[in-house]
Amino acid sequence: MADKINDQALDTLFFKARTQNGWLPGVEVSDAQLRALYDIVKYGPTSANSCPARFVFLRSAEAKERLRPHLSEGNLAKTMAAPVVAIVAYDVEFYEHLPKLFPHDL
């Protein structure tokens, strides 16, 4: 990496960023916003750019209810109130999908 991340970005990422504990009522997260987020994350550094992460976005009350039994009490209210919940998982057989998922093969 040739360029250094500027001090303001480092400060935001490592010193000012905190866990989100509340949400503005009625604020939606669009498909376009989720796609933009994914389009950044998919280029994260991984071994051979293999992208083993898998993402599931939950929006509906029904989907979040299925998640409820797996949440700690301290995270329950804010998770259930969130406009979208992202589940990030690791595919242990990611290599089977390399021809399809390699992000640089556009």
PDB file of N, CA and C in Angstrom:
ATOM      1  N   MET A   1       0.864  -1.176   0.000  1.00  0.00           N
ATOM      2  CA  MET A   1       0.000   0.000   0.000  1.00  0.00           C
ATOM      3  C   MET A   1       0.903   1.229   0.000  1.00  0.00           C
ATOM      4  N   ALA A   2       0.778   2.043  -0.986  1.00  0.00           N
ATOM      5  CA  ALA A   2       1.646   3.198  -1.138  1.00  0.00           C
ATOM      6  C   ALA A   2       1.167   4.404  -0.341  1.00  0.00           C
ATOM      7  N   ASP A   3      -0.140   4.598  -0.238  1.00  0.00           N
ATOM      8  CA  ASP A   3      -0.668   5.785   0.421  1.00  0.00           C
ATOM      9  C   ASP A   3      -1.023   5.490   1.870  1.00  0.00           C
ATOM     10  N   LYS A   4      -0.655   6.410   2.750  1.00  0.00           N
ATOM     11  CA  LYS A   4      -0.993   6.287   4.164  1.00  0.00           C
ATOM     12  C   LYS A   4      -2.417   6.804   4.377  1.00  0.00           C
ATOM     13  N   ILE A   5      -3.162   6.117   5.230  1.00  0.00           N
ATOM     14  CA  ILE A   5      -4.499   6.598   5.594  1.00  0.00           C
ATOM     15  C   ILE A   5      -4.323   7.857   6.425  1.00  0.00           C
ATOM     16  N   ASN A   6      -5.102   8.890   6.121  1.00  0.00           N
ATOM     17  CA  ASN A   6      -4.920  10.154   6.830  1.00  0.00           C
ATOM     18  C   ASN A   6      -5.350  10.033   8.290  1.00  0.00           C
ATOM     19  N   ASP A   7      -4.846  10.938   9.110  1.00  0.00           N
ATOM     20  CA  ASP A   7      -5.088  10.893  10.551  1.00  0.00           C
ATOM     21  C   ASP A   7      -6.566  10.996  10.905  1.00  0.00           C
ATOM     22  N   GLN A   8      -7.332  11.760  10.145  1.00  0.00           N
ATOM     23  CA  GLN A   8      -8.769  11.892  10.424  1.00  0.00           C
ATOM     24  C   GLN A   8      -9.477  10.549  10.242  1.00  0.00           C
ATOM     25  N   ALA A   9      -9.142   9.829   9.187  1.00  0.00           N
ATOM     26  CA  ALA A   9      -9.751   8.513   8.956  1.00  0.00           C
ATOM     27  C   ALA A   9      -9.344   7.530  10.044  1.00  0.00           C
ATOM     28  N   LEU A  10      -8.078   7.520  10.420  1.00  0.00           N
ATOM     29  CA  LEU A  10      -7.621   6.641  11.504  1.00  0.00           C
ATOM     30  C   LEU A  10      -8.324   6.964  12.811  1.00  0.00           C
ATOM     31  N   ASP A  11      -8.477   8.246  13.098  1.00  0.00           N
ATOM     32  CA  ASP A  11      -9.164   8.676  14.313  1.00  0.00           C
ATOM     33  C   ASP A  11     -10.610   8.187  14.320  1.00  0.00           C
ATOM     34  N   THR A  12     -11.282   8.328  13.186  1.00  0.00           N
ATOM     35  CA  THR A  12     -12.672   7.872  13.081  1.00  0.00           C
ATOM     36  C   THR A  12     -12.766   6.363  13.274  1.00  0.00           C
ATOM     37  N   LEU A  13     -11.910   5.619  12.619  1.00  0.00           N
ATOM     38  CA  LEU A  13     -11.965   4.156  12.680  1.00  0.00           C
ATOM     39  C   LEU A  13     -11.602   3.589  14.047  1.00  0.00           C
ATOM     40  N   PHE A  14     -10.584   4.139  14.692  1.00  0.00           N
ATOM     41  CA  PHE A  14     -10.040   3.494  15.880  1.00  0.00           C
ATOM     42  C   PHE A  14     -10.283   4.215  17.196  1.00  0.00           C
ATOM     43  N   PHE A  15     -10.644   5.485  17.163  1.00  0.00           N
ATOM     44  CA  PHE A  15     -10.821   6.208  18.423  1.00  0.00           C
ATOM     45  C   PHE A  15     -12.228   6.752  18.629  1.00  0.00           C
ATOM     46  N   LYS A  16     -12.913   7.129  17.563  1.00  0.00           N
ATOM     47  CA  LYS A  16     -14.250   7.710  17.701  1.00  0.00           C
ATOM     48  C   LYS A  16     -15.374   6.710  17.448  1.00  0.00           C
ATOM     49  N   ALA A  17     -15.110   5.672  16.690  1.00  0.00           N
ATOM     50  CA  ALA A  17     -16.153   4.687  16.364  1.00  0.00           C
ATOM     51  C   ALA A  17     -16.541   3.913  17.616  1.00  0.00           C
ATOM     52  N   ARG A  18     -17.812   3.762  17.817  1.00  0.00           N
ATOM     53  CA  ARG A  18     -18.335   3.033  18.968  1.00  0.00           C
ATOM     54  C   ARG A  18     -19.498   2.171  18.519  1.00  0.00           C
ATOM     55  N   THR A  19     -19.884   1.254  19.378  1.00  0.00           N
ATOM     56  CA  THR A  19     -21.042   0.414  19.106  1.00  0.00           C
ATOM     57  C   THR A  19     -22.278   1.279  18.991  1.00  0.00           C
ATOM     58  N   GLN A  20     -23.085   1.005  17.983  1.00  0.00           N
ATOM     59  CA  GLN A  20     -24.342   1.733  17.796  1.00  0.00           C
ATOM     60  C   GLN A  20     -25.359   1.199  18.801  1.00  0.00           C
ATOM     61  N   ASN A  21     -25.897   2.063  19.627  1.00  0.00           N
ATOM     62  CA  ASN A  21     -26.831   1.625  20.666  1.00  0.00           C
ATOM     63  C   ASN A  21     -28.256   2.089  20.448  1.00  0.00           C
ATOM     64  N   GLY A  22     -28.508   2.790  19.375  1.00  0.00           N
ATOM     65  CA  GLY A  22     -29.863   3.248  19.099  1.00  0.00           C
ATOM     66  C   GLY A  22     -30.007   3.611  17.634  1.00  0.00           C
ATOM     67  N   TRP A  23     -31.255   3.734  17.215  1.00  0.00           N
ATOM     68  CA  TRP A  23     -31.557   3.997  15.814  1.00  0.00           C
ATOM     69  C   TRP A  23     -32.599   5.093  15.718  1.00  0.00           C
ATOM     70  N   LEU A  24     -32.515   5.893  14.687  1.00  0.00           N
ATOM     71  CA  LEU A  24     -33.518   6.925  14.456  1.00  0.00           C
ATOM     72  C   LEU A  24     -34.789   6.260  13.943  1.00  0.00           C
ATOM     73  N   PRO A  25     -35.929   6.554  14.540  1.00  0.00           N
ATOM     74  CA  PRO A  25     -37.170   5.908  14.096  1.00  0.00           C
ATOM     75  C   PRO A  25     -37.499   6.256  12.649  1.00  0.00           C
ATOM     76  N   GLY A  26     -37.951   5.260  11.917  1.00  0.00           N
ATOM     77  CA  GLY A  26     -38.405   5.488  10.550  1.00  0.00           C
ATOM     78  C   GLY A  26     -37.316   5.586   9.506  1.00  0.00           C
ATOM     79  N   VAL A  27     -36.055   5.511   9.900  1.00  0.00           N
ATOM     80  CA  VAL A  27     -34.969   5.594   8.926  1.00  0.00           C
ATOM     81  C   VAL A  27     -34.783   4.220   8.284  1.00  0.00           C
ATOM     82  N   GLU A  28     -34.835   4.182   6.979  1.00  0.00           N
ATOM     83  CA  GLU A  28     -34.700   2.933   6.233  1.00  0.00           C
ATOM     84  C   GLU A  28     -33.274   2.795   5.696  1.00  0.00           C
ATOM     85  N   VAL A  29     -32.871   1.586   5.459  1.00  0.00           N
ATOM     86  CA  VAL A  29     -31.610   1.292   4.787  1.00  0.00           C
ATOM     87  C   VAL A  29     -31.986   0.656   3.452  1.00  0.00           C
ATOM     88  N   SER A  30     -31.596   1.293   2.378  1.00  0.00           N
ATOM     89  CA  SER A  30     -32.020   0.846   1.047  1.00  0.00           C
ATOM     90  C   SER A  30     -31.157  -0.310   0.535  1.00  0.00           C
ATOM     91  N   ASP A  31     -31.691  -0.998  -0.458  1.00  0.00           N
ATOM     92  CA  ASP A  31     -30.912  -2.033  -1.137  1.00  0.00           C
ATOM     93  C   ASP A  31     -29.641  -1.432  -1.725  1.00  0.00           C
ATOM     94  N   ALA A  32     -29.744  -0.223  -2.250  1.00  0.00           N
ATOM     95  CA  ALA A  32     -28.577   0.442  -2.841  1.00  0.00           C
ATOM     96  C   ALA A  32     -27.495   0.695  -1.790  1.00  0.00           C
ATOM     97  N   GLN A  33     -27.895   1.074  -0.583  1.00  0.00           N
ATOM     98  CA  GLN A  33     -26.919   1.292   0.486  1.00  0.00           C
ATOM     99  C   GLN A  33     -26.245  -0.023   0.891  1.00  0.00           C
ATOM    100  N   LEU A  34     -27.027  -1.085   0.992  1.00  0.00           N
ATOM    101  CA  LEU A  34     -26.447  -2.387   1.335  1.00  0.00           C
ATOM    102  C   LEU A  34     -25.514  -2.865   0.232  1.00  0.00           C
ATOM    103  N   ARG A  35     -25.884  -2.656  -1.006  1.00  0.00           N
ATOM    104  CA  ARG A  35     -25.032  -3.036  -2.134  1.00  0.00           C
ATOM    105  C   ARG A  35     -23.733  -2.235  -2.107  1.00  0.00           C
ATOM    106  N   ALA A  36     -23.817  -0.936  -1.820  1.00  0.00           N
ATOM    107  CA  ALA A  36     -22.616  -0.097  -1.754  1.00  0.00           C
ATOM    108  C   ALA A  36     -21.685  -0.581  -0.641  1.00  0.00           C
ATOM    109  N   LEU A  37     -22.255  -0.942   0.496  1.00  0.00           N
ATOM    110  CA  LEU A  37     -21.460  -1.476   1.603  1.00  0.00           C
ATOM    111  C   LEU A  37     -20.772  -2.771   1.181  1.00  0.00           C
ATOM    112  N   TYR A  38     -21.536  -3.678   0.605  1.00  0.00           N
ATOM    113  CA  TYR A  38     -20.964  -4.945   0.149  1.00  0.00           C
ATOM    114  C   TYR A  38     -19.874  -4.712  -0.897  1.00  0.00           C
ATOM    115  N   ASP A  39     -20.091  -3.777  -1.804  1.00  0.00           N
ATOM    116  CA  ASP A  39     -19.117  -3.513  -2.860  1.00  0.00           C
ATOM    117  C   ASP A  39     -17.788  -3.008  -2.312  1.00  0.00           C
ATOM    118  N   ILE A  40     -17.797  -2.413  -1.124  1.00  0.00           N
ATOM    119  CA  ILE A  40     -16.546  -2.012  -0.467  1.00  0.00           C
ATOM    120  C   ILE A  40     -15.936  -3.208   0.260  1.00  0.00           C
ATOM    121  N   VAL A  41     -16.747  -3.894   1.042  1.00  0.00           N
ATOM    122  CA  VAL A  41     -16.261  -4.986   1.888  1.00  0.00           C
ATOM    123  C   VAL A  41     -15.705  -6.150   1.070  1.00  0.00           C
ATOM    124  N   LYS A  42     -16.266  -6.420  -0.075  1.00  0.00           N
ATOM    125  CA  LYS A  42     -15.827  -7.581  -0.857  1.00  0.00           C
ATOM    126  C   LYS A  42     -14.378  -7.468  -1.309  1.00  0.00           C
ATOM    127  N   TYR A  43     -13.820  -6.268  -1.292  1.00  0.00           N
ATOM    128  CA  TYR A  43     -12.431  -6.084  -1.674  1.00  0.00           C
ATOM    129  C   TYR A  43     -11.487  -6.077  -0.480  1.00  0.00           C
ATOM    130  N   GLY A  44     -11.980  -6.428   0.698  1.00  0.00           N
ATOM    131  CA  GLY A  44     -11.129  -6.490   1.885  1.00  0.00           C
ATOM    132  C   GLY A  44     -10.013  -7.508   1.696  1.00  0.00           C
ATOM    133  N   PRO A  45      -8.901  -7.315   2.404  1.00  0.00           N
ATOM    134  CA  PRO A  45      -7.773  -8.224   2.230  1.00  0.00           C
ATOM    135  C   PRO A  45      -8.079  -9.614   2.788  1.00  0.00           C
ATOM    136  N   THR A  46      -8.016 -10.608   1.931  1.00  0.00           N
ATOM    137  CA  THR A  46      -8.166 -12.005   2.327  1.00  0.00           C
ATOM    138  C   THR A  46      -7.109 -12.804   1.576  1.00  0.00           C
ATOM    139  N   SER A  47      -6.856 -13.998   2.016  1.00  0.00           N
ATOM    140  CA  SER A  47      -5.878 -14.847   1.357  1.00  0.00           C
ATOM    141  C   SER A  47      -6.255 -15.043  -0.109  1.00  0.00           C
ATOM    142  N   ALA A  48      -5.382 -14.631  -0.989  1.00  0.00           N
ATOM    143  CA  ALA A  48      -5.588 -14.754  -2.436  1.00  0.00           C
ATOM    144  C   ALA A  48      -6.884 -14.102  -2.893  1.00  0.00           C
ATOM    145  N   ASN A  49      -7.329 -13.074  -2.179  1.00  0.00           N
ATOM    146  CA  ASN A  49      -8.578 -12.384  -2.516  1.00  0.00           C
ATOM    147  C   ASN A  49      -9.738 -13.365  -2.663  1.00  0.00           C
ATOM    148  N   SER A  50      -9.799 -14.325  -1.761  1.00  0.00           N
ATOM    149  CA  SER A  50     -10.759 -15.419  -1.888  1.00  0.00           C
ATOM    150  C   SER A  50     -12.147 -15.120  -1.330  1.00  0.00           C
ATOM    151  N   CYS A  51     -12.312 -14.064  -0.587  1.00  0.00           N
ATOM    152  CA  CYS A  51     -13.623 -13.614  -0.108  1.00  0.00           C
ATOM    153  C   CYS A  51     -14.454 -14.717   0.561  1.00  0.00           C
ATOM    154  N   PRO A  52     -13.998 -15.259   1.694  1.00  0.00           N
ATOM    155  CA  PRO A  52     -14.758 -16.319   2.354  1.00  0.00           C
ATOM    156  C   PRO A  52     -15.969 -15.823   3.141  1.00  0.00           C
ATOM    157  N   ALA A  53     -16.130 -14.526   3.277  1.00  0.00           N
ATOM    158  CA  ALA A  53     -17.261 -13.989   4.048  1.00  0.00           C
ATOM    159  C   ALA A  53     -18.563 -14.165   3.281  1.00  0.00           C
ATOM    160  N   ARG A  54     -19.613 -14.438   4.037  1.00  0.00           N
ATOM    161  CA  ARG A  54     -20.967 -14.520   3.485  1.00  0.00           C
ATOM    162  C   ARG A  54     -21.843 -13.594   4.309  1.00  0.00           C
ATOM    163  N   PHE A  55     -22.712 -12.871   3.647  1.00  0.00           N
ATOM    164  CA  PHE A  55     -23.522 -11.849   4.300  1.00  0.00           C
ATOM    165  C   PHE A  55     -25.002 -12.155   4.141  1.00  0.00           C
ATOM    166  N   VAL A  56     -25.734 -11.985   5.223  1.00  0.00           N
ATOM    167  CA  VAL A  56     -27.192 -12.084   5.205  1.00  0.00           C
ATOM    168  C   VAL A  56     -27.706 -10.823   5.882  1.00  0.00           C
ATOM    169  N   PHE A  57     -28.635 -10.141   5.243  1.00  0.00           N
ATOM    170  CA  PHE A  57     -29.223  -8.930   5.807  1.00  0.00           C
ATOM    171  C   PHE A  57     -30.669  -9.221   6.192  1.00  0.00           C
ATOM    172  N   LEU A  58     -30.992  -8.960   7.445  1.00  0.00           N
ATOM    173  CA  LEU A  58     -32.346  -9.181   7.961  1.00  0.00           C
ATOM    174  C   LEU A  58     -33.044  -7.842   8.112  1.00  0.00           C
ATOM    175  N   ARG A  59     -34.232  -7.735   7.550  1.00  0.00           N
ATOM    176  CA  ARG A  59     -35.013  -6.504   7.666  1.00  0.00           C
ATOM    177  C   ARG A  59     -36.350  -6.739   8.351  1.00  0.00           C
ATOM    178  N   SER A  60     -36.993  -7.818   8.033  1.00  0.00           N
ATOM    179  CA  SER A  60     -38.362  -8.022   8.522  1.00  0.00           C
ATOM    180  C   SER A  60     -38.373  -8.390  10.002  1.00  0.00           C
ATOM    181  N   ALA A  61     -39.477  -8.074  10.646  1.00  0.00           N
ATOM    182  CA  ALA A  61     -39.653  -8.445  12.052  1.00  0.00           C
ATOM    183  C   ALA A  61     -39.586  -9.963  12.201  1.00  0.00           C
ATOM    184  N   GLU A  62     -40.143 -10.681  11.235  1.00  0.00           N
ATOM    185  CA  GLU A  62     -40.137 -12.144  11.295  1.00  0.00           C
ATOM    186  C   GLU A  62     -38.711 -12.694  11.261  1.00  0.00           C
ATOM    187  N   ALA A  63     -37.888 -12.152  10.395  1.00  0.00           N
ATOM    188  CA  ALA A  63     -36.497 -12.612  10.297  1.00  0.00           C
ATOM    189  C   ALA A  63     -35.742 -12.308  11.585  1.00  0.00           C
ATOM    190  N   LYS A  64     -35.960 -11.120  12.138  1.00  0.00           N
ATOM    191  CA  LYS A  64     -35.274 -10.765  13.384  1.00  0.00           C
ATOM    192  C   LYS A  64     -35.773 -11.613  14.547  1.00  0.00           C
ATOM    193  N   GLU A  65     -37.035 -12.002  14.521  1.00  0.00           N
ATOM    194  CA  GLU A  65     -37.565 -12.881  15.571  1.00  0.00           C
ATOM    195  C   GLU A  65     -36.861 -14.237  15.556  1.00  0.00           C
ATOM    196  N   ARG A  66     -36.513 -14.717  14.392  1.00  0.00           N
ATOM    197  CA  ARG A  66     -35.781 -15.985  14.304  1.00  0.00           C
ATOM    198  C   ARG A  66     -34.387 -15.858  14.909  1.00  0.00           C
ATOM    199  N   LEU A  67     -33.840 -14.650  14.887  1.00  0.00           N
ATOM    200  CA  LEU A  67     -32.519 -14.396  15.454  1.00  0.00           C
ATOM    201  C   LEU A  67     -32.575 -14.210  16.971  1.00  0.00           C
ATOM    202  N   ARG A  68     -33.700 -13.764  17.474  1.00  0.00           N
ATOM    203  CA  ARG A  68     -33.864 -13.398  18.887  1.00  0.00           C
ATOM    204  C   ARG A  68     -33.270 -14.417  19.870  1.00  0.00           C
ATOM    205  N   PRO A  69     -33.541 -15.716  19.738  1.00  0.00           N
ATOM    206  CA  PRO A  69     -33.024 -16.668  20.733  1.00  0.00           C
ATOM    207  C   PRO A  69     -31.497 -16.738  20.795  1.00  0.00           C
ATOM    208  N   HIS A  70     -30.831 -16.204  19.799  1.00  0.00           N
ATOM    209  CA  HIS A  70     -29.377 -16.294  19.723  1.00  0.00           C
ATOM    210  C   HIS A  70     -28.683 -15.005  20.172  1.00  0.00           C
ATOM    211  N   LEU A  71     -29.458 -14.030  20.616  1.00  0.00           N
ATOM    212  CA  LEU A  71     -28.904 -12.739  21.030  1.00  0.00           C
ATOM    213  C   LEU A  71     -28.740 -12.687  22.539  1.00  0.00           C
ATOM    214  N   SER A  72     -27.704 -11.983  22.979  1.00  0.00           N
ATOM    215  CA  SER A  72     -27.551 -11.757  24.415  1.00  0.00           C
ATOM    216  C   SER A  72     -28.540 -10.675  24.839  1.00  0.00           C
ATOM    217  N   GLU A  73     -28.902 -10.695  26.090  1.00  0.00           N
ATOM    218  CA  GLU A  73     -29.894  -9.739  26.595  1.00  0.00           C
ATOM    219  C   GLU A  73     -29.466  -8.295  26.350  1.00  0.00           C
ATOM    220  N   GLY A  74     -28.184  -8.016  26.482  1.00  0.00           N
ATOM    221  CA  GLY A  74     -27.691  -6.658  26.285  1.00  0.00           C
ATOM    222  C   GLY A  74     -27.798  -6.159  24.854  1.00  0.00           C
ATOM    223  N   ASN A  75     -27.902  -7.062  23.905  1.00  0.00           N
ATOM    224  CA  ASN A  75     -28.008  -6.683  22.494  1.00  0.00           C
ATOM    225  C   ASN A  75     -29.413  -6.824  21.936  1.00  0.00           C
ATOM    226  N   LEU A  76     -30.313  -7.371  22.708  1.00  0.00           N
ATOM    227  CA  LEU A  76     -31.638  -7.726  22.206  1.00  0.00           C
ATOM    228  C   LEU A  76     -32.437  -6.525  21.701  1.00  0.00           C
ATOM    229  N   ALA A  77     -32.650  -5.537  22.546  1.00  0.00           N
ATOM    230  CA  ALA A  77     -33.518  -4.409  22.180  1.00  0.00           C
ATOM    231  C   ALA A  77     -32.980  -3.643  20.972  1.00  0.00           C
ATOM    232  N   LYS A  78     -31.687  -3.333  20.982  1.00  0.00           N
ATOM    233  CA  LYS A  78     -31.143  -2.538  19.872  1.00  0.00           C
ATOM    234  C   LYS A  78     -31.106  -3.328  18.567  1.00  0.00           C
ATOM    235  N   THR A  79     -30.902  -4.635  18.654  1.00  0.00           N
ATOM    236  CA  THR A  79     -30.906  -5.452  17.441  1.00  0.00           C
ATOM    237  C   THR A  79     -32.305  -5.546  16.857  1.00  0.00           C
ATOM    238  N   MET A  80     -33.284  -5.771  17.703  1.00  0.00           N
ATOM    239  CA  MET A  80     -34.659  -5.904  17.226  1.00  0.00           C
ATOM    240  C   MET A  80     -35.182  -4.582  16.653  1.00  0.00           C
ATOM    241  N   ALA A  81     -34.658  -3.449  17.145  1.00  0.00           N
ATOM    242  CA  ALA A  81     -35.105  -2.136  16.680  1.00  0.00           C
ATOM    243  C   ALA A  81     -34.353  -1.651  15.440  1.00  0.00           C
ATOM    244  N   ALA A  82     -33.256  -2.287  15.114  1.00  0.00           N
ATOM    245  CA  ALA A  82     -32.435  -1.848  13.979  1.00  0.00           C
ATOM    246  C   ALA A  82     -33.198  -1.998  12.662  1.00  0.00           C
ATOM    247  N   PRO A  83     -33.000  -1.070  11.729  1.00  0.00           N
ATOM    248  CA  PRO A  83     -33.681  -1.184  10.436  1.00  0.00           C
ATOM    249  C   PRO A  83     -33.189  -2.377   9.616  1.00  0.00           C
ATOM    250  N   VAL A  84     -31.959  -2.788   9.853  1.00  0.00           N
ATOM    251  CA  VAL A  84     -31.401  -3.967   9.182  1.00  0.00           C
ATOM    252  C   VAL A  84     -30.343  -4.571  10.104  1.00  0.00           C
ATOM    253  N   VAL A  85     -30.270  -5.883  10.104  1.00  0.00           N
ATOM    254  CA  VAL A  85     -29.253  -6.600  10.869  1.00  0.00           C
ATOM    255  C   VAL A  85     -28.391  -7.359   9.869  1.00  0.00           C
ATOM    256  N   ALA A  86     -27.085  -7.204   9.985  1.00  0.00           N
ATOM    257  CA  ALA A  86     -26.163  -7.920   9.102  1.00  0.00           C
ATOM    258  C   ALA A  86     -25.566  -9.103   9.850  1.00  0.00           C
ATOM    259  N   ILE A  87     -25.682 -10.265   9.251  1.00  0.00           N
ATOM    260  CA  ILE A  87     -25.008 -11.452   9.768  1.00  0.00           C
ATOM    261  C   ILE A  87     -23.837 -11.710   8.832  1.00  0.00           C
ATOM    262  N   VAL A  88     -22.643 -11.740   9.401  1.00  0.00           N
ATOM    263  CA  VAL A  88     -21.443 -12.006   8.621  1.00  0.00           C
ATOM    264  C   VAL A  88     -20.913 -13.368   9.067  1.00  0.00           C
ATOM    265  N   ALA A  89     -20.793 -14.281   8.129  1.00  0.00           N
ATOM    266  CA  ALA A  89     -20.344 -15.637   8.427  1.00  0.00           C
ATOM    267  C   ALA A  89     -19.149 -15.990   7.546  1.00  0.00           C
ATOM    268  N   TYR A  90     -18.528 -17.092   7.876  1.00  0.00           N
ATOM    269  CA  TYR A  90     -17.363 -17.579   7.146  1.00  0.00           C
ATOM    270  C   TYR A  90     -17.712 -18.903   6.486  1.00  0.00           C
ATOM    271  N   ASP A  91     -17.532 -18.980   5.200  1.00  0.00           N
ATOM    272  CA  ASP A  91     -17.805 -20.198   4.447  1.00  0.00           C
ATOM    273  C   ASP A  91     -16.551 -21.071   4.469  1.00  0.00           C
ATOM    274  N   VAL A  92     -16.608 -22.202   5.182  1.00  0.00           N
ATOM    275  CA  VAL A  92     -15.428 -23.057   5.301  1.00  0.00           C
ATOM    276  C   VAL A  92     -15.090 -23.765   3.987  1.00  0.00           C
ATOM    277  N   GLU A  93     -15.999 -23.769   3.040  1.00  0.00           N
ATOM    278  CA  GLU A  93     -15.716 -24.337   1.724  1.00  0.00           C
ATOM    279  C   GLU A  93     -15.739 -23.250   0.645  1.00  0.00           C
ATOM    280  N   PHE A  94     -15.237 -22.065   1.022  1.00  0.00           N
ATOM    281  CA  PHE A  94     -15.245 -20.922   0.110  1.00  0.00           C
ATOM    282  C   PHE A  94     -14.542 -21.226  -1.205  1.00  0.00           C
ATOM    283  N   TYR A  95     -13.539 -22.075  -1.160  1.00  0.00           N
ATOM    284  CA  TYR A  95     -12.750 -22.391  -2.351  1.00  0.00           C
ATOM    285  C   TYR A  95     -13.596 -23.037  -3.453  1.00  0.00           C
ATOM    286  N   GLU A  96     -14.702 -23.654  -3.071  1.00  0.00           N
ATOM    287  CA  GLU A  96     -15.585 -24.263  -4.065  1.00  0.00           C
ATOM    288  C   GLU A  96     -16.260 -23.204  -4.948  1.00  0.00           C
ATOM    289  N   HIS A  97     -16.314 -21.967  -4.449  1.00  0.00           N
ATOM    290  CA  HIS A  97     -17.031 -20.896  -5.144  1.00  0.00           C
ATOM    291  C   HIS A  97     -16.097 -19.863  -5.779  1.00  0.00           C
ATOM    292  N   LEU A  98     -14.792 -20.124  -5.766  1.00  0.00           N
ATOM    293  CA  LEU A  98     -13.850 -19.130  -6.287  1.00  0.00           C
ATOM    294  C   LEU A  98     -14.143 -18.696  -7.719  1.00  0.00           C
ATOM    295  N   PRO A  99     -14.463 -19.600  -8.626  1.00  0.00           N
ATOM    296  CA  PRO A  99     -14.731 -19.129  -9.994  1.00  0.00           C
ATOM    297  C   PRO A  99     -15.882 -18.123 -10.069  1.00  0.00           C
ATOM    298  N   LYS A 100     -16.848 -18.247  -9.180  1.00  0.00           N
ATOM    299  CA  LYS A 100     -18.009 -17.349  -9.208  1.00  0.00           C
ATOM    300  C   LYS A 100     -17.785 -16.087  -8.378  1.00  0.00           C
ATOM    301  N   LEU A 101     -17.134 -16.228  -7.237  1.00  0.00           N
ATOM    302  CA  LEU A 101     -17.095 -15.135  -6.271  1.00  0.00           C
ATOM    303  C   LEU A 101     -15.830 -14.296  -6.299  1.00  0.00           C
ATOM    304  N   PHE A 102     -14.832 -14.684  -7.038  1.00  0.00           N
ATOM    305  CA  PHE A 102     -13.609 -13.891  -7.082  1.00  0.00           C
ATOM    306  C   PHE A 102     -13.973 -12.479  -7.513  1.00  0.00           C
ATOM    307  N   PRO A 103     -13.828 -11.481  -6.625  1.00  0.00           N
ATOM    308  CA  PRO A 103     -14.382 -10.149  -6.897  1.00  0.00           C
ATOM    309  C   PRO A 103     -13.715  -9.390  -8.033  1.00  0.00           C
ATOM    310  N   HIS A 104     -12.538  -9.811  -8.447  1.00  0.00           N
ATOM    311  CA  HIS A 104     -11.860  -9.077  -9.510  1.00  0.00           C
ATOM    312  C   HIS A 104     -12.251  -9.575 -10.896  1.00  0.00           C
ATOM    313  N   ASP A 105     -12.994 -10.667 -10.946  1.00  0.00           N
ATOM    314  CA  ASP A 105     -13.509 -11.159 -12.227  1.00  0.00           C
ATOM    315  C   ASP A 105     -14.854 -10.505 -12.490  1.00  0.00           C
ATOM    316  N   LEU A 106     -14.830  -9.273 -12.908  1.00  0.00           N
ATOM    317  CA  LEU A 106     -16.082  -8.536 -13.097  1.00  0.00           C
ATOM    318  C   LEU A 106     -16.670  -8.775 -14.452  1.00  0.00           C
TER     319      LEU A 106
END
